[in-house]
Amino acid sequence: VAVPATCRADRTLRQCVYEGCRALIQSLVAGGFALNATVGPLEGDKFTVRLEGPCTLWSAQALRGRRALPNELECLILSAWARRNGAELEWTTRIGETGIEHSFNLLTPLSRP
């Protein structure tokens, strides 16, 4: 997985973290983690990630059926990268027949827009 450079102080934190998350998702797809991915536009502090055919789909479906915590490796990767840059991510997940969709909320400190 190619890890994006840390956000520079001269860029807005929201936009930088969003672009880094988008680059990480593209890197995961290039590495075979999913067949395809779509990262929706940043709208305020929110964006979505739709993974088609992720390698974790079967386990996510099985764990959902057991009401257990799902394996959200891609979310944990994005969250760690956001924290590395001084932001936090919250997310909800919808698991479908052929893909997984995550809705992210980007939380940034008041000191940086």
PDB file of N, CA and C in Angstrom:
ATOM      1  N   VAL A   1       0.851  -1.174   0.000  1.00  0.00           N
ATOM      2  CA  VAL A   1       0.000   0.000   0.000  1.00  0.00           C
ATOM      3  C   VAL A   1       0.896   1.236   0.000  1.00  0.00           C
ATOM      4  N   ALA A   2       0.649   2.119  -0.939  1.00  0.00           N
ATOM      5  CA  ALA A   2       1.390   3.381  -0.995  1.00  0.00           C
ATOM      6  C   ALA A   2       0.761   4.369  -0.027  1.00  0.00           C
ATOM      7  N   VAL A   3       1.534   4.870   0.901  1.00  0.00           N
ATOM      8  CA  VAL A   3       1.037   5.799   1.912  1.00  0.00           C
ATOM      9  C   VAL A   3       1.321   7.230   1.457  1.00  0.00           C
ATOM     10  N   PRO A   4       0.281   8.075   1.392  1.00  0.00           N
ATOM     11  CA  PRO A   4       0.490   9.469   0.977  1.00  0.00           C
ATOM     12  C   PRO A   4       1.364  10.240   1.969  1.00  0.00           C
ATOM     13  N   ALA A   5       1.967  11.301   1.488  1.00  0.00           N
ATOM     14  CA  ALA A   5       2.772  12.168   2.350  1.00  0.00           C
ATOM     15  C   ALA A   5       1.880  12.825   3.400  1.00  0.00           C
ATOM     16  N   THR A   6       2.473  13.170   4.517  1.00  0.00           N
ATOM     17  CA  THR A   6       1.758  13.865   5.586  1.00  0.00           C
ATOM     18  C   THR A   6       1.291  15.230   5.089  1.00  0.00           C
ATOM     19  N   CYS A   7       0.148  15.671   5.574  1.00  0.00           N
ATOM     20  CA  CYS A   7      -0.419  16.968   5.179  1.00  0.00           C
ATOM     21  C   CYS A   7       0.514  18.105   5.569  1.00  0.00           C
ATOM     22  N   ARG A   8       0.667  19.024   4.656  1.00  0.00           N
ATOM     23  CA  ARG A   8       1.476  20.222   4.908  1.00  0.00           C
ATOM     24  C   ARG A   8       0.606  21.285   5.575  1.00  0.00           C
ATOM     25  N   ALA A   9       1.251  22.157   6.325  1.00  0.00           N
ATOM     26  CA  ALA A   9       0.527  23.197   7.070  1.00  0.00           C
ATOM     27  C   ALA A   9      -0.136  24.219   6.156  1.00  0.00           C
ATOM     28  N   ASP A  10       0.325  24.352   4.900  1.00  0.00           N
ATOM     29  CA  ASP A  10      -0.249  25.373   4.018  1.00  0.00           C
ATOM     30  C   ASP A  10      -1.504  24.894   3.283  1.00  0.00           C
ATOM     31  N   ARG A  11      -1.952  23.684   3.546  1.00  0.00           N
ATOM     32  CA  ARG A  11      -3.163  23.153   2.906  1.00  0.00           C
ATOM     33  C   ARG A  11      -4.256  22.989   3.950  1.00  0.00           C
ATOM     34  N   THR A  12      -5.498  23.037   3.521  1.00  0.00           N
ATOM     35  CA  THR A  12      -6.579  22.796   4.482  1.00  0.00           C
ATOM     36  C   THR A  12      -6.547  21.328   4.882  1.00  0.00           C
ATOM     37  N   LEU A  13      -6.714  21.093   6.141  1.00  0.00           N
ATOM     38  CA  LEU A  13      -6.621  19.741   6.674  1.00  0.00           C
ATOM     39  C   LEU A  13      -7.713  18.845   6.094  1.00  0.00           C
ATOM     40  N   ARG A  14      -8.932  19.354   6.002  1.00  0.00           N
ATOM     41  CA  ARG A  14     -10.037  18.548   5.469  1.00  0.00           C
ATOM     42  C   ARG A  14      -9.718  18.026   4.071  1.00  0.00           C
ATOM     43  N   GLN A  15      -9.337  18.926   3.187  1.00  0.00           N
ATOM     44  CA  GLN A  15      -9.070  18.548   1.807  1.00  0.00           C
ATOM     45  C   GLN A  15      -7.881  17.592   1.712  1.00  0.00           C
ATOM     46  N   CYS A  16      -6.858  17.851   2.478  1.00  0.00           N
ATOM     47  CA  CYS A  16      -5.671  17.005   2.454  1.00  0.00           C
ATOM     48  C   CYS A  16      -5.989  15.591   2.939  1.00  0.00           C
ATOM     49  N   VAL A  17      -6.710  15.476   4.053  1.00  0.00           N
ATOM     50  CA  VAL A  17      -7.058  14.158   4.580  1.00  0.00           C
ATOM     51  C   VAL A  17      -7.963  13.423   3.594  1.00  0.00           C
ATOM     52  N   TYR A  18      -8.915  14.119   3.011  1.00  0.00           N
ATOM     53  CA  TYR A  18      -9.795  13.511   2.003  1.00  0.00           C
ATOM     54  C   TYR A  18      -8.974  12.981   0.822  1.00  0.00           C
ATOM     55  N   GLU A  19      -8.079  13.797   0.291  1.00  0.00           N
ATOM     56  CA  GLU A  19      -7.268  13.373  -0.855  1.00  0.00           C
ATOM     57  C   GLU A  19      -6.361  12.197  -0.485  1.00  0.00           C
ATOM     58  N   GLY A  20      -5.834  12.205   0.740  1.00  0.00           N
ATOM     59  CA  GLY A  20      -5.027  11.079   1.199  1.00  0.00           C
ATOM     60  C   GLY A  20      -5.837   9.799   1.312  1.00  0.00           C
ATOM     61  N   CYS A  21      -7.065   9.912   1.818  1.00  0.00           N
ATOM     62  CA  CYS A  21      -7.953   8.747   1.913  1.00  0.00           C
ATOM     63  C   CYS A  21      -8.271   8.208   0.522  1.00  0.00           C
ATOM     64  N   ARG A  22      -8.526   9.102  -0.406  1.00  0.00           N
ATOM     65  CA  ARG A  22      -8.809   8.685  -1.783  1.00  0.00           C
ATOM     66  C   ARG A  22      -7.601   7.955  -2.378  1.00  0.00           C
ATOM     67  N   ALA A  23      -6.400   8.467  -2.140  1.00  0.00           N
ATOM     68  CA  ALA A  23      -5.185   7.827  -2.644  1.00  0.00           C
ATOM     69  C   ALA A  23      -4.967   6.463  -1.993  1.00  0.00           C
ATOM     70  N   LEU A  24      -5.250   6.346  -0.707  1.00  0.00           N
ATOM     71  CA  LEU A  24      -5.107   5.057  -0.028  1.00  0.00           C
ATOM     72  C   LEU A  24      -6.079   4.022  -0.596  1.00  0.00           C
ATOM     73  N   ILE A  25      -7.320   4.428  -0.837  1.00  0.00           N
ATOM     74  CA  ILE A  25      -8.306   3.505  -1.414  1.00  0.00           C
ATOM     75  C   ILE A  25      -7.850   3.059  -2.800  1.00  0.00           C
ATOM     76  N   GLN A  26      -7.360   3.979  -3.616  1.00  0.00           N
ATOM     77  CA  GLN A  26      -6.866   3.616  -4.954  1.00  0.00           C
ATOM     78  C   GLN A  26      -5.688   2.657  -4.850  1.00  0.00           C
ATOM     79  N   SER A  27      -4.833   2.845  -3.859  1.00  0.00           N
ATOM     80  CA  SER A  27      -3.699   1.956  -3.650  1.00  0.00           C
ATOM     81  C   SER A  27      -4.163   0.560  -3.235  1.00  0.00           C
ATOM     82  N   LEU A  28      -5.190   0.496  -2.396  1.00  0.00           N
ATOM     83  CA  LEU A  28      -5.740  -0.805  -1.996  1.00  0.00           C
ATOM     84  C   LEU A  28      -6.298  -1.555  -3.201  1.00  0.00           C
ATOM     85  N   VAL A  29      -7.010  -0.841  -4.071  1.00  0.00           N
ATOM     86  CA  VAL A  29      -7.558  -1.469  -5.281  1.00  0.00           C
ATOM     87  C   VAL A  29      -6.419  -1.958  -6.181  1.00  0.00           C
ATOM     88  N   ALA A  30      -5.409  -1.123  -6.358  1.00  0.00           N
ATOM     89  CA  ALA A  30      -4.262  -1.511  -7.200  1.00  0.00           C
ATOM     90  C   ALA A  30      -3.559  -2.750  -6.644  1.00  0.00           C
ATOM     91  N   GLY A  31      -3.595  -2.914  -5.317  1.00  0.00           N
ATOM     92  CA  GLY A  31      -2.980  -4.064  -4.679  1.00  0.00           C
ATOM     93  C   GLY A  31      -3.868  -5.295  -4.630  1.00  0.00           C
ATOM     94  N   GLY A  32      -5.080  -5.214  -5.169  1.00  0.00           N
ATOM     95  CA  GLY A  32      -5.961  -6.371  -5.221  1.00  0.00           C
ATOM     96  C   GLY A  32      -6.914  -6.516  -4.055  1.00  0.00           C
ATOM     97  N   PHE A  33      -7.022  -5.518  -3.194  1.00  0.00           N
ATOM     98  CA  PHE A  33      -7.922  -5.593  -2.048  1.00  0.00           C
ATOM     99  C   PHE A  33      -9.387  -5.609  -2.477  1.00  0.00           C
ATOM    100  N   ALA A  34      -9.710  -4.926  -3.563  1.00  0.00           N
ATOM    101  CA  ALA A  34     -11.078  -4.878  -4.088  1.00  0.00           C
ATOM    102  C   ALA A  34     -11.001  -4.809  -5.611  1.00  0.00           C
ATOM    103  N   LEU A  35     -12.092  -5.191  -6.263  1.00  0.00           N
ATOM    104  CA  LEU A  35     -12.129  -5.122  -7.720  1.00  0.00           C
ATOM    105  C   LEU A  35     -12.172  -3.686  -8.216  1.00  0.00           C
ATOM    106  N   ASN A  36     -12.891  -2.843  -7.484  1.00  0.00           N
ATOM    107  CA  ASN A  36     -13.045  -1.444  -7.871  1.00  0.00           C
ATOM    108  C   ASN A  36     -13.477  -0.658  -6.643  1.00  0.00           C
ATOM    109  N   ALA A  37     -13.285   0.647  -6.696  1.00  0.00           N
ATOM    110  CA  ALA A  37     -13.719   1.519  -5.597  1.00  0.00           C
ATOM    111  C   ALA A  37     -14.122   2.865  -6.157  1.00  0.00           C
ATOM    112  N   THR A  38     -15.096   3.453  -5.514  1.00  0.00           N
ATOM    113  CA  THR A  38     -15.537   4.807  -5.841  1.00  0.00           C
ATOM    114  C   THR A  38     -15.491   5.630  -4.563  1.00  0.00           C
ATOM    115  N   VAL A  39     -14.801   6.753  -4.621  1.00  0.00           N
ATOM    116  CA  VAL A  39     -14.757   7.671  -3.489  1.00  0.00           C
ATOM    117  C   VAL A  39     -15.582   8.883  -3.889  1.00  0.00           C
ATOM    118  N   GLY A  40     -16.659   9.115  -3.145  1.00  0.00           N
ATOM    119  CA  GLY A  40     -17.540  10.241  -3.444  1.00  0.00           C
ATOM    120  C   GLY A  40     -16.872  11.560  -3.116  1.00  0.00           C
ATOM    121  N   PRO A  41     -17.437  12.658  -3.591  1.00  0.00           N
ATOM    122  CA  PRO A  41     -16.850  13.980  -3.326  1.00  0.00           C
ATOM    123  C   PRO A  41     -16.947  14.347  -1.847  1.00  0.00           C
ATOM    124  N   LEU A  42     -16.043  15.206  -1.429  1.00  0.00           N
ATOM    125  CA  LEU A  42     -16.066  15.742  -0.072  1.00  0.00           C
ATOM    126  C   LEU A  42     -17.154  16.803  -0.014  1.00  0.00           C
ATOM    127  N   GLU A  43     -18.172  16.563   0.803  1.00  0.00           N
ATOM    128  CA  GLU A  43     -19.282  17.507   0.972  1.00  0.00           C
ATOM    129  C   GLU A  43     -19.297  17.950   2.421  1.00  0.00           C
ATOM    130  N   GLY A  44     -18.731  19.134   2.665  1.00  0.00           N
ATOM    131  CA  GLY A  44     -18.569  19.584   4.043  1.00  0.00           C
ATOM    132  C   GLY A  44     -17.511  18.734   4.711  1.00  0.00           C
ATOM    133  N   ASP A  45     -17.935  17.928   5.669  1.00  0.00           N
ATOM    134  CA  ASP A  45     -17.017  17.018   6.364  1.00  0.00           C
ATOM    135  C   ASP A  45     -17.319  15.557   6.042  1.00  0.00           C
ATOM    136  N   LYS A  46     -18.111  15.307   5.019  1.00  0.00           N
ATOM    137  CA  LYS A  46     -18.567  13.946   4.738  1.00  0.00           C
ATOM    138  C   LYS A  46     -18.149  13.473   3.354  1.00  0.00           C
ATOM    139  N   PHE A  47     -17.863  12.161   3.255  1.00  0.00           N
ATOM    140  CA  PHE A  47     -17.624  11.525   1.970  1.00  0.00           C
ATOM    141  C   PHE A  47     -17.922  10.034   2.106  1.00  0.00           C
ATOM    142  N   THR A  48     -18.126   9.385   0.985  1.00  0.00           N
ATOM    143  CA  THR A  48     -18.427   7.958   0.987  1.00  0.00           C
ATOM    144  C   THR A  48     -17.366   7.199   0.196  1.00  0.00           C
ATOM    145  N   VAL A  49     -17.209   5.944   0.557  1.00  0.00           N
ATOM    146  CA  VAL A  49     -16.330   5.028  -0.163  1.00  0.00           C
ATOM    147  C   VAL A  49     -17.142   3.782  -0.459  1.00  0.00           C
ATOM    148  N   ARG A  50     -17.219   3.427  -1.726  1.00  0.00           N
ATOM    149  CA  ARG A  50     -17.938   2.216  -2.148  1.00  0.00           C
ATOM    150  C   ARG A  50     -16.914   1.243  -2.721  1.00  0.00           C
ATOM    151  N   LEU A  51     -16.792   0.083  -2.096  1.00  0.00           N
ATOM    152  CA  LEU A  51     -15.878  -0.957  -2.557  1.00  0.00           C
ATOM    153  C   LEU A  51     -16.681  -2.049  -3.252  1.00  0.00           C
ATOM    154  N   GLU A  52     -16.301  -2.370  -4.465  1.00  0.00           N
ATOM    155  CA  GLU A  52     -16.928  -3.465  -5.202  1.00  0.00           C
ATOM    156  C   GLU A  52     -16.024  -4.693  -5.120  1.00  0.00           C
ATOM    157  N   GLY A  53     -16.582  -5.789  -4.649  1.00  0.00           N
ATOM    158  CA  GLY A  53     -15.825  -7.031  -4.555  1.00  0.00           C
ATOM    159  C   GLY A  53     -14.609  -6.971  -3.646  1.00  0.00           C
ATOM    160  N   PRO A  54     -14.737  -6.363  -2.447  1.00  0.00           N
ATOM    161  CA  PRO A  54     -13.570  -6.347  -1.554  1.00  0.00           C
ATOM    162  C   PRO A  54     -13.279  -7.752  -1.022  1.00  0.00           C
ATOM    163  N   CYS A  55     -12.028  -8.011  -0.718  1.00  0.00           N
ATOM    164  CA  CYS A  55     -11.664  -9.343  -0.233  1.00  0.00           C
ATOM    165  C   CYS A  55     -12.283  -9.649   1.129  1.00  0.00           C
ATOM    166  N   THR A  56     -12.798  -8.652   1.825  1.00  0.00           N
ATOM    167  CA  THR A  56     -13.417  -8.850   3.137  1.00  0.00           C
ATOM    168  C   THR A  56     -14.945  -8.987   3.064  1.00  0.00           C
ATOM    169  N   LEU A  57     -15.504  -9.051   1.864  1.00  0.00           N
ATOM    170  CA  LEU A  57     -16.966  -9.054   1.724  1.00  0.00           C
ATOM    171  C   LEU A  57     -17.608 -10.259   2.402  1.00  0.00           C
ATOM    172  N   TRP A  58     -17.103 -11.452   2.135  1.00  0.00           N
ATOM    173  CA  TRP A  58     -17.711 -12.644   2.717  1.00  0.00           C
ATOM    174  C   TRP A  58     -17.672 -12.580   4.239  1.00  0.00           C
ATOM    175  N   SER A  59     -16.516 -12.233   4.810  1.00  0.00           N
ATOM    176  CA  SER A  59     -16.425 -12.190   6.275  1.00  0.00           C
ATOM    177  C   SER A  59     -17.329 -11.094   6.842  1.00  0.00           C
ATOM    178  N   ALA A  60     -17.455  -9.967   6.141  1.00  0.00           N
ATOM    179  CA  ALA A  60     -18.338  -8.893   6.606  1.00  0.00           C
ATOM    180  C   ALA A  60     -19.787  -9.380   6.639  1.00  0.00           C
ATOM    181  N   GLN A  61     -20.194 -10.100   5.603  1.00  0.00           N
ATOM    182  CA  GLN A  61     -21.560 -10.624   5.559  1.00  0.00           C
ATOM    183  C   GLN A  61     -21.779 -11.654   6.664  1.00  0.00           C
ATOM    184  N   ALA A  62     -20.805 -12.533   6.874  1.00  0.00           N
ATOM    185  CA  ALA A  62     -20.929 -13.570   7.899  1.00  0.00           C
ATOM    186  C   ALA A  62     -20.966 -12.956   9.298  1.00  0.00           C
ATOM    187  N   LEU A  63     -20.105 -11.993   9.547  1.00  0.00           N
ATOM    188  CA  LEU A  63     -20.075 -11.350  10.867  1.00  0.00           C
ATOM    189  C   LEU A  63     -21.336 -10.539  11.125  1.00  0.00           C
ATOM    190  N   ARG A  64     -21.871  -9.893  10.082  1.00  0.00           N
ATOM    191  CA  ARG A  64     -23.120  -9.146  10.237  1.00  0.00           C
ATOM    192  C   ARG A  64     -24.232 -10.101  10.657  1.00  0.00           C
ATOM    193  N   GLY A  65     -24.268 -11.287  10.064  1.00  0.00           N
ATOM    194  CA  GLY A  65     -25.282 -12.275  10.411  1.00  0.00           C
ATOM    195  C   GLY A  65     -25.187 -12.742  11.852  1.00  0.00           C
ATOM    196  N   ARG A  66     -24.008 -12.672  12.418  1.00  0.00           N
ATOM    197  CA  ARG A  66     -23.795 -13.057  13.821  1.00  0.00           C
ATOM    198  C   ARG A  66     -23.876 -11.867  14.772  1.00  0.00           C
ATOM    199  N   ARG A  67     -24.119 -10.696  14.204  1.00  0.00           N
ATOM    200  CA  ARG A  67     -24.160  -9.448  14.980  1.00  0.00           C
ATOM    201  C   ARG A  67     -22.839  -9.193  15.707  1.00  0.00           C
ATOM    202  N   ALA A  68     -21.760  -9.580  15.055  1.00  0.00           N
ATOM    203  CA  ALA A  68     -20.418  -9.362  15.592  1.00  0.00           C
ATOM    204  C   ALA A  68     -19.804  -8.143  14.912  1.00  0.00           C
ATOM    205  N   LEU A  69     -18.726  -7.656  15.460  1.00  0.00           N
ATOM    206  CA  LEU A  69     -18.040  -6.517  14.859  1.00  0.00           C
ATOM    207  C   LEU A  69     -17.459  -6.930  13.514  1.00  0.00           C
ATOM    208  N   PRO A  70     -17.708  -6.136  12.477  1.00  0.00           N
ATOM    209  CA  PRO A  70     -17.199  -6.494  11.151  1.00  0.00           C
ATOM    210  C   PRO A  70     -15.709  -6.198  11.018  1.00  0.00           C
ATOM    211  N   ASN A  71     -15.097  -6.847  10.045  1.00  0.00           N
ATOM    212  CA  ASN A  71     -13.708  -6.592   9.700  1.00  0.00           C
ATOM    213  C   ASN A  71     -13.687  -5.399   8.754  1.00  0.00           C
ATOM    214  N   GLU A  72     -13.320  -4.246   9.258  1.00  0.00           N
ATOM    215  CA  GLU A  72     -13.311  -3.015   8.456  1.00  0.00           C
ATOM    216  C   GLU A  72     -11.883  -2.518   8.300  1.00  0.00           C
ATOM    217  N   LEU A  73     -11.037  -3.380   7.782  1.00  0.00           N
ATOM    218  CA  LEU A  73      -9.619  -3.081   7.622  1.00  0.00           C
ATOM    219  C   LEU A  73      -9.392  -1.773   6.875  1.00  0.00           C
ATOM    220  N   GLU A  74     -10.140  -1.556   5.789  1.00  0.00           N
ATOM    221  CA  GLU A  74      -9.960  -0.336   4.999  1.00  0.00           C
ATOM    222  C   GLU A  74     -10.283   0.912   5.817  1.00  0.00           C
ATOM    223  N   CYS A  75     -11.286   0.834   6.681  1.00  0.00           N
ATOM    224  CA  CYS A  75     -11.638   1.979   7.532  1.00  0.00           C
ATOM    225  C   CYS A  75     -10.553   2.238   8.575  1.00  0.00           C
ATOM    226  N   LEU A  76      -9.998   1.173   9.110  1.00  0.00           N
ATOM    227  CA  LEU A  76      -8.940   1.331  10.100  1.00  0.00           C
ATOM    228  C   LEU A  76      -7.690   1.943   9.476  1.00  0.00           C
ATOM    229  N   ILE A  77      -7.389   1.587   8.234  1.00  0.00           N
ATOM    230  CA  ILE A  77      -6.252   2.170   7.521  1.00  0.00           C
ATOM    231  C   ILE A  77      -6.486   3.670   7.329  1.00  0.00           C
ATOM    232  N   LEU A  78      -7.677   4.037   6.834  1.00  0.00           N
ATOM    233  CA  LEU A  78      -7.980   5.449   6.614  1.00  0.00           C
ATOM    234  C   LEU A  78      -7.977   6.230   7.929  1.00  0.00           C
ATOM    235  N   SER A  79      -8.520   5.624   8.972  1.00  0.00           N
ATOM    236  CA  SER A  79      -8.582   6.282  10.268  1.00  0.00           C
ATOM    237  C   SER A  79      -7.180   6.530  10.838  1.00  0.00           C
ATOM    238  N   ALA A  80      -6.309   5.544  10.714  1.00  0.00           N
ATOM    239  CA  ALA A  80      -4.929   5.710  11.204  1.00  0.00           C
ATOM    240  C   ALA A  80      -4.222   6.825  10.448  1.00  0.00           C
ATOM    241  N   TRP A  81      -4.428   6.886   9.139  1.00  0.00           N
ATOM    242  CA  TRP A  81      -3.782   7.934   8.347  1.00  0.00           C
ATOM    243  C   TRP A  81      -4.333   9.315   8.724  1.00  0.00           C
ATOM    244  N   ALA A  82      -5.647   9.404   8.949  1.00  0.00           N
ATOM    245  CA  ALA A  82      -6.242  10.675   9.364  1.00  0.00           C
ATOM    246  C   ALA A  82      -5.673  11.114  10.712  1.00  0.00           C
ATOM    247  N   ARG A  83      -5.575  10.179  11.659  1.00  0.00           N
ATOM    248  CA  ARG A  83      -5.013  10.512  12.977  1.00  0.00           C
ATOM    249  C   ARG A  83      -3.564  10.968  12.864  1.00  0.00           C
ATOM    250  N   ARG A  84      -2.823  10.358  11.965  1.00  0.00           N
ATOM    251  CA  ARG A  84      -1.423  10.757  11.744  1.00  0.00           C
ATOM    252  C   ARG A  84      -1.336  12.233  11.337  1.00  0.00           C
ATOM    253  N   ASN A  85      -2.399  12.737  10.745  1.00  0.00           N
ATOM    254  CA  ASN A  85      -2.424  14.117  10.279  1.00  0.00           C
ATOM    255  C   ASN A  85      -3.236  15.055  11.171  1.00  0.00           C
ATOM    256  N   GLY A  86      -3.657  14.581  12.340  1.00  0.00           N
ATOM    257  CA  GLY A  86      -4.352  15.435  13.293  1.00  0.00           C
ATOM    258  C   GLY A  86      -5.855  15.484  13.128  1.00  0.00           C
ATOM    259  N   ALA A  87      -6.436  14.529  12.433  1.00  0.00           N
ATOM    260  CA  ALA A  87      -7.891  14.480  12.237  1.00  0.00           C
ATOM    261  C   ALA A  87      -8.410  13.126  12.722  1.00  0.00           C
ATOM    262  N   GLU A  88      -9.698  13.003  12.779  1.00  0.00           N
ATOM    263  CA  GLU A  88     -10.352  11.742  13.157  1.00  0.00           C
ATOM    264  C   GLU A  88     -11.415  11.412  12.123  1.00  0.00           C
ATOM    265  N   LEU A  89     -11.704  10.136  11.970  1.00  0.00           N
ATOM    266  CA  LEU A  89     -12.787   9.690  11.093  1.00  0.00           C
ATOM    267  C   LEU A  89     -13.786   8.879  11.905  1.00  0.00           C
ATOM    268  N   GLU A  90     -15.054   9.156  11.691  1.00  0.00           N
ATOM    269  CA  GLU A  90     -16.142   8.305  12.176  1.00  0.00           C
ATOM    270  C   GLU A  90     -16.812   7.737  10.939  1.00  0.00           C
ATOM    271  N   TRP A  91     -17.386   6.540  11.041  1.00  0.00           N
ATOM    272  CA  TRP A  91     -18.020   5.978   9.863  1.00  0.00           C
ATOM    273  C   TRP A  91     -19.148   5.022  10.221  1.00  0.00           C
ATOM    274  N   THR A  92     -20.025   4.868   9.254  1.00  0.00           N
ATOM    275  CA  THR A  92     -21.053   3.840   9.292  1.00  0.00           C
ATOM    276  C   THR A  92     -20.869   2.994   8.046  1.00  0.00           C
ATOM    277  N   THR A  93     -21.350   1.765   8.100  1.00  0.00           N
ATOM    278  CA  THR A  93     -21.112   0.820   7.020  1.00  0.00           C
ATOM    279  C   THR A  93     -22.399   0.139   6.601  1.00  0.00           C
ATOM    280  N   ARG A  94     -22.556   0.002   5.289  1.00  0.00           N
ATOM    281  CA  ARG A  94     -23.646  -0.799   4.716  1.00  0.00           C
ATOM    282  C   ARG A  94     -23.000  -1.913   3.898  1.00  0.00           C
ATOM    283  N   ILE A  95     -23.425  -3.135   4.182  1.00  0.00           N
ATOM    284  CA  ILE A  95     -22.867  -4.295   3.501  1.00  0.00           C
ATOM    285  C   ILE A  95     -23.918  -4.822   2.537  1.00  0.00           C
ATOM    286  N   GLY A  96     -23.557  -4.908   1.266  1.00  0.00           N
ATOM    287  CA  GLY A  96     -24.472  -5.384   0.244  1.00  0.00           C
ATOM    288  C   GLY A  96     -24.071  -6.750  -0.281  1.00  0.00           C
ATOM    289  N   GLU A  97     -24.720  -7.153  -1.354  1.00  0.00           N
ATOM    290  CA  GLU A  97     -24.444  -8.457  -1.970  1.00  0.00           C
ATOM    291  C   GLU A  97     -23.072  -8.514  -2.633  1.00  0.00           C
ATOM    292  N   THR A  98     -22.679  -7.412  -3.270  1.00  0.00           N
ATOM    293  CA  THR A  98     -21.424  -7.413  -4.033  1.00  0.00           C
ATOM    294  C   THR A  98     -20.427  -6.360  -3.574  1.00  0.00           C
ATOM    295  N   GLY A  99     -20.802  -5.568  -2.583  1.00  0.00           N
ATOM    296  CA  GLY A  99     -19.899  -4.504  -2.158  1.00  0.00           C
ATOM    297  C   GLY A  99     -20.209  -3.993  -0.777  1.00  0.00           C
ATOM    298  N   ILE A 100     -19.364  -3.086  -0.347  1.00  0.00           N
ATOM    299  CA  ILE A 100     -19.483  -2.459   0.963  1.00  0.00           C
ATOM    300  C   ILE A 100     -19.392  -0.950   0.761  1.00  0.00           C
ATOM    301  N   GLU A 101     -20.275  -0.209   1.446  1.00  0.00           N
ATOM    302  CA  GLU A 101     -20.234   1.246   1.370  1.00  0.00           C
ATOM    303  C   GLU A 101     -20.030   1.812   2.762  1.00  0.00           C
ATOM    304  N   HIS A 102     -19.043   2.693   2.868  1.00  0.00           N
ATOM    305  CA  HIS A 102     -18.751   3.380   4.122  1.00  0.00           C
ATOM    306  C   HIS A 102     -19.076   4.859   3.957  1.00  0.00           C
ATOM    307  N   SER A 103     -19.762   5.413   4.930  1.00  0.00           N
ATOM    308  CA  SER A 103     -20.033   6.853   4.972  1.00  0.00           C
ATOM    309  C   SER A 103     -19.173   7.431   6.086  1.00  0.00           C
ATOM    310  N   PHE A 104     -18.255   8.312   5.711  1.00  0.00           N
ATOM    311  CA  PHE A 104     -17.298   8.875   6.653  1.00  0.00           C
ATOM    312  C   PHE A 104     -17.670  10.294   7.055  1.00  0.00           C
ATOM    313  N   ASN A 105     -17.380  10.606   8.302  1.00  0.00           N
ATOM    314  CA  ASN A 105     -17.483  11.958   8.827  1.00  0.00           C
ATOM    315  C   ASN A 105     -16.085  12.334   9.298  1.00  0.00           C
ATOM    316  N   LEU A 106     -15.540  13.389   8.722  1.00  0.00           N
ATOM    317  CA  LEU A 106     -14.187  13.843   9.017  1.00  0.00           C
ATOM    318  C   LEU A 106     -14.226  14.885  10.127  1.00  0.00           C
ATOM    319  N   LEU A 107     -13.538  14.600  11.219  1.00  0.00           N
ATOM    320  CA  LEU A 107     -13.492  15.503  12.367  1.00  0.00           C
ATOM    321  C   LEU A 107     -12.104  16.122  12.442  1.00  0.00           C
ATOM    322  N   THR A 108     -12.057  17.452  12.449  1.00  0.00           N
ATOM    323  CA  THR A 108     -10.777  18.149  12.511  1.00  0.00           C
ATOM    324  C   THR A 108     -10.756  19.060  13.731  1.00  0.00           C
ATOM    325  N   PRO A 109      -9.580  19.326  14.270  1.00  0.00           N
ATOM    326  CA  PRO A 109      -9.509  20.242  15.414  1.00  0.00           C
ATOM    327  C   PRO A 109      -9.895  21.654  14.990  1.00  0.00           C
ATOM    328  N   LEU A 110     -10.373  22.412  15.936  1.00  0.00           N
ATOM    329  CA  LEU A 110     -10.814  23.783  15.646  1.00  0.00           C
ATOM    330  C   LEU A 110      -9.654  24.675  15.201  1.00  0.00           C
ATOM    331  N   SER A 111      -8.436  24.300  15.549  1.00  0.00           N
ATOM    332  CA  SER A 111      -7.298  25.157  15.224  1.00  0.00           C
ATOM    333  C   SER A 111      -6.920  25.129  13.745  1.00  0.00           C
ATOM    334  N   ARG A 112      -7.345  24.092  13.019  1.00  0.00           N
ATOM    335  CA  ARG A 112      -7.053  24.015  11.587  1.00  0.00           C
ATOM    336  C   ARG A 112      -8.339  23.759  10.836  1.00  0.00           C
ATOM    337  N   PRO A 113      -8.610  24.522   9.777  1.00  0.00           N
ATOM    338  CA  PRO A 113      -9.855  24.315   9.022  1.00  0.00           C
ATOM    339  C   PRO A 113      -9.837  23.014   8.247  1.00  0.00           C
TER     340      PRO A 113
END
